[in-house]
């Protein structure tokens, strides 16, 4: 249990500067699709979209080391499209 807890890396995505810009719906769709693929692989063990209308848009828990989680998030479509930020 300690090992599993030590590997858990929380992630909170917030609205980015370009949220609501052109192609936002498609970019966010791809971001969600990618999160579900990471979940199926076991790398993102919890995926929880937040639809309260506030700044927080998504919460996830990675089952990776921090140095593995960073490149995964650097390649996230929502972050690359500046629709989401960490």
C-alpha atoms as a PDB file:
ATOM      1  CA  UNK A   1       0.000   0.000   0.000  1.00  0.00           C
ATOM      2  CA  UNK A   2       2.819   2.445   0.803  1.00  0.00           C
ATOM      3  CA  UNK A   3       4.395   1.809  -2.585  1.00  0.00           C
ATOM      4  CA  UNK A   4       1.104   2.450  -4.381  1.00  0.00           C
ATOM      5  CA  UNK A   5       0.499   5.637  -2.410  1.00  0.00           C
ATOM      6  CA  UNK A   6       4.026   6.845  -3.103  1.00  0.00           C
ATOM      7  CA  UNK A   7       3.481   6.384  -6.861  1.00  0.00           C
ATOM      8  CA  UNK A   8       0.142   8.227  -6.954  1.00  0.00           C
ATOM      9  CA  UNK A   9       0.611  11.636  -8.570  1.00  0.00           C
ATOM     10  CA  UNK A  10      -2.421  13.949  -8.461  1.00  0.00           C
ATOM     11  CA  UNK A  11      -3.108  16.207 -11.402  1.00  0.00           C
ATOM     12  CA  UNK A  12      -5.483  19.170 -11.500  1.00  0.00           C
ATOM     13  CA  UNK A  13      -6.163  20.793 -14.860  1.00  0.00           C
ATOM     14  CA  UNK A  14      -7.559  24.318 -14.934  1.00  0.00           C
ATOM     15  CA  UNK A  15      -8.956  26.487 -17.701  1.00  0.00           C
ATOM     16  CA  UNK A  16      -6.245  27.761 -20.008  1.00  0.00           C
ATOM     17  CA  UNK A  17      -5.856  31.111 -21.756  1.00  0.00           C
ATOM     18  CA  UNK A  18      -7.512  29.889 -24.957  1.00  0.00           C
ATOM     19  CA  UNK A  19     -10.461  28.091 -23.337  1.00  0.00           C
ATOM     20  CA  UNK A  20     -13.495  28.600 -25.555  1.00  0.00           C
ATOM     21  CA  UNK A  21     -11.373  29.584 -28.556  1.00  0.00           C
ATOM     22  CA  UNK A  22     -11.685  28.141 -32.052  1.00  0.00           C
ATOM     23  CA  UNK A  23     -11.672  24.347 -32.145  1.00  0.00           C
ATOM     24  CA  UNK A  24     -11.938  24.109 -28.328  1.00  0.00           C
ATOM     25  CA  UNK A  25     -14.631  21.431 -28.412  1.00  0.00           C
ATOM     26  CA  UNK A  26     -12.539  19.203 -30.682  1.00  0.00           C
ATOM     27  CA  UNK A  27      -9.357  19.757 -28.658  1.00  0.00           C
ATOM     28  CA  UNK A  28     -11.078  18.992 -25.350  1.00  0.00           C
ATOM     29  CA  UNK A  29     -12.697  15.897 -26.908  1.00  0.00           C
ATOM     30  CA  UNK A  30      -9.245  14.620 -27.942  1.00  0.00           C
ATOM     31  CA  UNK A  31      -7.876  15.440 -24.497  1.00  0.00           C
ATOM     32  CA  UNK A  32     -10.648  13.381 -22.879  1.00  0.00           C
ATOM     33  CA  UNK A  33     -10.163  10.520 -25.331  1.00  0.00           C
ATOM     34  CA  UNK A  34      -6.452  10.476 -24.520  1.00  0.00           C
ATOM     35  CA  UNK A  35      -7.164  10.454 -20.772  1.00  0.00           C
ATOM     36  CA  UNK A  36      -9.412   7.411 -21.188  1.00  0.00           C
ATOM     37  CA  UNK A  37      -6.667   5.669 -23.178  1.00  0.00           C
ATOM     38  CA  UNK A  38      -4.166   6.425 -20.380  1.00  0.00           C
ATOM     39  CA  UNK A  39      -6.718   5.039 -17.919  1.00  0.00           C
ATOM     40  CA  UNK A  40      -7.091   1.844 -19.966  1.00  0.00           C
ATOM     41  CA  UNK A  41      -3.280   1.478 -19.927  1.00  0.00           C
ATOM     42  CA  UNK A  42      -3.266   1.844 -16.129  1.00  0.00           C
ATOM     43  CA  UNK A  43      -1.147   4.993 -16.144  1.00  0.00           C
ATOM     44  CA  UNK A  44      -3.990   7.356 -15.184  1.00  0.00           C
ATOM     45  CA  UNK A  45      -5.909   5.433 -12.534  1.00  0.00           C
ATOM     46  CA  UNK A  46      -8.539   8.081 -11.790  1.00  0.00           C
ATOM     47  CA  UNK A  47     -10.080  10.345 -14.416  1.00  0.00           C
ATOM     48  CA  UNK A  48     -12.622  12.836 -13.139  1.00  0.00           C
ATOM     49  CA  UNK A  49     -13.916  15.670 -15.332  1.00  0.00           C
ATOM     50  CA  UNK A  50     -15.217  18.644 -13.337  1.00  0.00           C
ATOM     51  CA  UNK A  51     -18.242  20.406 -14.809  1.00  0.00           C
ATOM     52  CA  UNK A  52     -19.049  22.888 -12.037  1.00  0.00           C
ATOM     53  CA  UNK A  53     -18.293  25.845 -14.295  1.00  0.00           C
ATOM     54  CA  UNK A  54     -15.324  26.984 -12.192  1.00  0.00           C
ATOM     55  CA  UNK A  55     -11.648  27.181 -13.062  1.00  0.00           C
ATOM     56  CA  UNK A  56     -10.914  23.513 -12.236  1.00  0.00           C
ATOM     57  CA  UNK A  57     -11.805  21.400 -15.280  1.00  0.00           C
ATOM     58  CA  UNK A  58     -10.320  17.952 -14.626  1.00  0.00           C
ATOM     59  CA  UNK A  59      -8.775  15.877 -11.831  1.00  0.00           C
ATOM     60  CA  UNK A  60      -6.679  12.786 -12.393  1.00  0.00           C
ATOM     61  CA  UNK A  61      -4.366  10.510 -10.451  1.00  0.00           C
ATOM     62  CA  UNK A  62      -1.333   9.088 -12.272  1.00  0.00           C
ATOM     63  CA  UNK A  63       0.170   5.722 -11.394  1.00  0.00           C
ATOM     64  CA  UNK A  64       3.629   6.755 -12.563  1.00  0.00           C
ATOM     65  CA  UNK A  65       6.727   8.397 -11.237  1.00  0.00           C
ATOM     66  CA  UNK A  66       6.747  12.184 -11.508  1.00  0.00           C
ATOM     67  CA  UNK A  67       9.387  12.114 -14.250  1.00  0.00           C
ATOM     68  CA  UNK A  68       7.046   9.870 -16.280  1.00  0.00           C
ATOM     69  CA  UNK A  69       3.931  11.995 -15.667  1.00  0.00           C
ATOM     70  CA  UNK A  70       5.472  15.260 -16.877  1.00  0.00           C
ATOM     71  CA  UNK A  71       6.089  14.198 -20.510  1.00  0.00           C
ATOM     72  CA  UNK A  72       2.644  12.594 -20.610  1.00  0.00           C
ATOM     73  CA  UNK A  73       1.089  15.920 -19.654  1.00  0.00           C
ATOM     74  CA  UNK A  74       3.397  17.920 -21.918  1.00  0.00           C
ATOM     75  CA  UNK A  75       1.868  15.966 -24.826  1.00  0.00           C
ATOM     76  CA  UNK A  76      -1.742  16.507 -23.677  1.00  0.00           C
ATOM     77  CA  UNK A  77      -3.899  18.024 -26.473  1.00  0.00           C
ATOM     78  CA  UNK A  78      -5.682  20.387 -24.066  1.00  0.00           C
ATOM     79  CA  UNK A  79      -2.398  21.745 -22.745  1.00  0.00           C
ATOM     80  CA  UNK A  80      -0.755  21.945 -26.162  1.00  0.00           C
ATOM     81  CA  UNK A  81      -3.786  23.862 -27.439  1.00  0.00           C
ATOM     82  CA  UNK A  82      -3.658  26.140 -24.365  1.00  0.00           C
ATOM     83  CA  UNK A  83      -7.232  25.193 -23.438  1.00  0.00           C
ATOM     84  CA  UNK A  84      -6.024  23.672 -20.149  1.00  0.00           C
ATOM     85  CA  UNK A  85      -3.167  24.321 -17.724  1.00  0.00           C
ATOM     86  CA  UNK A  86      -1.746  22.463 -14.733  1.00  0.00           C
END
